[in-house]
Protein backbone atom coordinates (compact mmCIF):
# COMPACT_ATOMS: atom_id res chain seq x y z
CA MET A 1 6.87 71.88 -36.41
CA LYS A 2 5.53 74.66 -38.65
CA ILE A 3 2.04 73.89 -37.40
CA ILE A 4 3.10 74.29 -33.76
CA ILE A 5 4.88 77.57 -34.47
CA GLY A 6 1.83 78.78 -36.37
CA LEU A 7 -0.46 77.83 -33.48
CA LEU A 8 1.82 79.59 -30.98
CA LYS A 9 1.79 82.75 -33.14
CA LEU A 10 -1.99 82.54 -33.35
CA ILE A 11 -2.29 82.16 -29.56
CA VAL A 12 0.02 85.12 -28.97
CA LEU A 13 -1.97 87.20 -31.45
CA VAL A 14 -5.25 86.32 -29.75
CA ILE A 15 -3.81 87.21 -26.31
CA VAL A 16 -2.51 90.54 -27.64
CA LEU A 17 -5.90 91.30 -29.24
CA LEU A 18 -7.73 90.47 -26.03
CA PHE A 19 -5.51 92.77 -23.98
CA ALA A 20 -5.85 95.53 -26.58
CA ALA A 21 -9.65 95.15 -26.65
CA ASN A 22 -9.77 95.25 -22.85
CA TYR A 23 -7.56 98.35 -22.81
CA PHE A 24 -9.49 100.28 -25.46
CA LEU A 25 -13.02 99.11 -24.64
CA SER A 26 -12.94 99.07 -20.84
CA ASP A 27 -13.55 102.83 -20.61
CA LYS A 28 -16.58 102.52 -22.93
CA VAL A 29 -18.03 99.66 -20.92
CA ASN A 30 -17.28 101.58 -17.68
CA ASP A 31 -19.02 104.68 -19.06
CA TYR A 32 -22.12 102.65 -19.77
CA THR A 33 -22.06 100.62 -16.57
CA TYR A 34 -21.15 103.52 -14.27
CA PRO A 35 -22.54 106.65 -15.99
CA ILE A 36 -22.16 110.19 -14.83
CA ARG A 37 -25.57 111.75 -15.28
CA TYR A 38 -27.36 114.72 -13.72
CA LYS A 39 -23.91 116.24 -13.09
CA GLU A 40 -25.28 119.76 -12.64
CA TYR A 41 -27.48 118.64 -9.73
CA VAL A 42 -24.94 116.27 -8.19
CA ASP A 43 -22.24 118.95 -8.27
CA LYS A 44 -24.55 121.63 -6.83
CA TYR A 45 -25.88 119.57 -3.93
CA SER A 46 -22.57 117.89 -3.27
CA ARG A 47 -21.10 121.36 -2.61
CA GLN A 48 -24.18 122.67 -0.78
CA TYR A 49 -24.45 119.75 1.65
CA ASN A 50 -20.78 118.73 1.73
CA VAL A 51 -21.27 115.22 0.43
CA ASP A 52 -18.75 113.39 -1.74
CA ARG A 53 -19.95 113.31 -5.40
CA ALA A 54 -18.75 109.73 -5.72
CA LEU A 55 -21.06 108.71 -2.85
CA ILE A 56 -24.03 110.43 -4.44
CA TYR A 57 -23.39 108.64 -7.74
CA ALA A 58 -22.92 105.33 -5.90
CA ILE A 59 -26.24 105.73 -4.11
CA ILE A 60 -28.04 106.63 -7.36
CA LYS A 61 -26.42 103.69 -9.15
CA ASN A 62 -27.37 101.20 -6.46
CA GLU A 63 -30.81 102.60 -5.62
CA SER A 64 -32.28 103.19 -9.07
CA ASP A 65 -29.61 102.54 -11.66
CA PHE A 66 -30.23 106.12 -12.82
CA ASN A 67 -33.96 105.59 -13.46
CA PRO A 68 -35.66 108.80 -12.30
CA TYR A 69 -39.07 107.09 -12.25
CA ALA A 70 -38.00 104.05 -10.20
CA GLU A 71 -40.33 103.03 -7.41
CA SER A 72 -39.57 100.19 -5.01
CA ASN A 73 -41.97 97.78 -3.36
CA ALA A 74 -41.45 99.79 -0.19
CA GLN A 75 -42.66 102.91 -2.10
CA ALA A 76 -39.23 104.57 -2.25
CA LYS A 77 -39.17 106.88 -5.24
CA GLY A 78 -36.91 108.39 -7.87
CA LEU A 79 -33.19 108.36 -8.51
CA MET A 80 -32.17 108.19 -4.87
CA GLN A 81 -35.20 106.19 -3.76
CA ILE A 82 -36.66 108.69 -1.30
CA MET A 83 -39.29 107.39 1.11
CA ASP A 84 -42.33 109.57 1.80
CA THR A 85 -41.31 109.93 5.45
CA SER A 86 -37.83 111.14 4.40
CA TYR A 87 -39.44 113.56 1.95
CA GLU A 88 -41.67 115.01 4.69
CA PHE A 89 -38.68 115.23 7.07
CA ALA A 90 -36.63 117.03 4.41
CA LYS A 91 -39.44 119.51 3.65
CA LYS A 92 -39.27 120.69 7.26
CA SER A 93 -35.50 121.27 7.09
CA ILE A 94 -34.67 122.52 3.57
CA VAL A 95 -36.25 124.71 0.90
CA LEU A 96 -37.47 122.69 -2.07
CA ASN A 97 -38.33 124.37 -5.34
CA ASN A 98 -40.53 121.49 -6.46
CA ASP A 99 -42.99 119.17 -4.73
CA ASP A 100 -42.50 116.34 -7.28
CA ILE A 101 -40.44 113.63 -5.58
CA PHE A 102 -39.68 112.15 -9.04
CA ASP A 103 -38.16 115.44 -10.25
CA LYS A 104 -34.45 114.73 -10.79
CA LYS A 105 -33.20 117.90 -9.15
CA THR A 106 -35.54 117.62 -6.18
CA ASN A 107 -34.79 113.94 -5.65
CA ILE A 108 -31.03 114.50 -5.74
CA GLN A 109 -31.36 117.47 -3.39
CA ILE A 110 -33.34 115.48 -0.81
CA GLY A 111 -31.11 112.38 -1.08
CA THR A 112 -27.91 114.41 -0.78
CA TRP A 113 -29.27 116.43 2.15
CA LEU A 114 -30.30 113.16 3.80
CA LEU A 115 -26.80 111.69 3.34
CA SER A 116 -25.33 114.85 4.86
CA HIS A 117 -27.74 114.70 7.78
CA LEU A 118 -27.01 111.01 8.45
CA THR A 119 -23.22 111.55 8.16
CA GLN A 120 -23.42 114.40 10.67
CA ARG A 121 -25.57 112.32 13.00
CA PHE A 122 -23.36 109.23 12.95
CA GLY A 123 -19.95 110.73 12.17
CA ASP A 124 -19.07 107.88 9.80
CA ILE A 125 -20.01 107.55 6.16
CA ARG A 126 -20.43 103.80 6.52
CA TYR A 127 -23.06 104.25 9.21
CA ALA A 128 -24.76 106.92 7.08
CA VAL A 129 -24.99 104.53 4.12
CA MET A 130 -26.49 101.81 6.30
CA ALA A 131 -28.95 104.30 7.83
CA TYR A 132 -29.93 105.38 4.31
CA ASN A 133 -30.90 101.78 3.65
CA ALA A 134 -32.11 100.39 6.97
CA GLY A 135 -33.14 103.54 8.82
CA PRO A 136 -31.24 105.59 11.38
CA GLU A 137 -32.89 104.04 14.43
CA ASN A 138 -31.81 100.53 13.40
CA VAL A 139 -28.23 101.70 12.87
CA ALA A 140 -28.18 103.53 16.20
CA SER A 141 -29.40 100.34 17.89
CA TRP A 142 -26.70 98.25 16.15
CA ILE A 143 -24.01 100.70 17.23
CA ASN A 144 -25.25 100.64 20.80
CA SER A 145 -25.34 96.84 20.76
CA GLY A 146 -21.71 96.64 19.63
CA TYR A 147 -22.40 95.14 16.21
CA LEU A 148 -20.54 97.89 14.35
CA PRO A 149 -17.18 98.77 15.94
CA GLN A 150 -16.08 101.95 14.21
CA ASP A 151 -12.37 101.12 14.27
CA THR A 152 -12.77 97.96 12.16
CA ASN A 153 -13.43 97.23 8.52
CA TYR A 154 -17.11 97.04 7.76
CA SER A 155 -16.68 93.58 6.22
CA THR A 156 -16.12 92.23 9.78
CA TRP A 157 -19.28 93.81 11.18
CA ASN A 158 -22.20 91.68 12.32
CA ILE A 159 -24.93 93.65 10.53
CA PRO A 160 -28.30 92.18 11.56
CA PHE A 161 -29.96 92.88 8.19
CA GLY A 162 -28.35 90.86 5.40
CA GLU A 163 -29.77 93.24 2.79
CA THR A 164 -28.05 96.18 4.51
CA ALA A 165 -24.71 94.36 4.67
CA ILE A 166 -24.89 93.69 0.94
CA TYR A 167 -26.03 97.26 0.24
CA LEU A 168 -23.15 98.78 2.24
CA ASP A 169 -20.60 96.65 0.42
CA LYS A 170 -22.06 97.48 -3.02
CA VAL A 171 -22.25 101.21 -2.31
CA MET A 172 -18.72 101.40 -0.94
CA LYS A 173 -17.29 99.50 -3.92
CA THR A 174 -19.32 101.58 -6.39
CA LYS A 175 -18.12 104.74 -4.61
CA GLU A 176 -14.50 103.74 -5.24
CA ILE A 177 -15.26 103.20 -8.94
CA TYR A 178 -16.80 106.68 -9.14
CA HIS A 179 -13.86 108.20 -7.30
CA LYS A 180 -11.59 106.92 -10.06
CA LYS A 181 -13.98 108.04 -12.81
CA LEU A 182 -14.37 111.53 -11.35
CA GLN A 183 -10.62 112.03 -11.09
CA HIS A 184 -10.46 111.74 -14.89
CA ASN A 185 -13.42 114.08 -15.59
């Protein structure tokens, strides 16, 4: 009987320790997994272009995992994975202080401006996120074809590009994590 009581006490102690470790370490793991970096630039361009900071961080996290020198197979570059065509489009519309697409400040400025432009064009942040990934003409075509009814949850949409469906889901979930983090900062 003493052995059983001893084992039960041990099990309770292990459970308590696991909960305590989760409580005390979850913030540290979360800070590492979902960092807040380049805050000065994110805050500045979030205000300037009226884009939610949590969305900017979610895009950076999912596009480059905060690697300012990231370059995709499709030749997207930097923190927010800016394509050369998007860069040229942005240069015609906004004043850039630097021509280096890998420059953190410049990359965040262009990416944030692009998110603002896409949100204004489509009137829905979910459409803007998809257009950031798949291109605005594809998203416009999907809307016109009835694939993306605005009054429904995006998880029910019939998004023709599987990669874009996954991307949208990841960005929206990451955005919610950053919303919670930013409320505490």
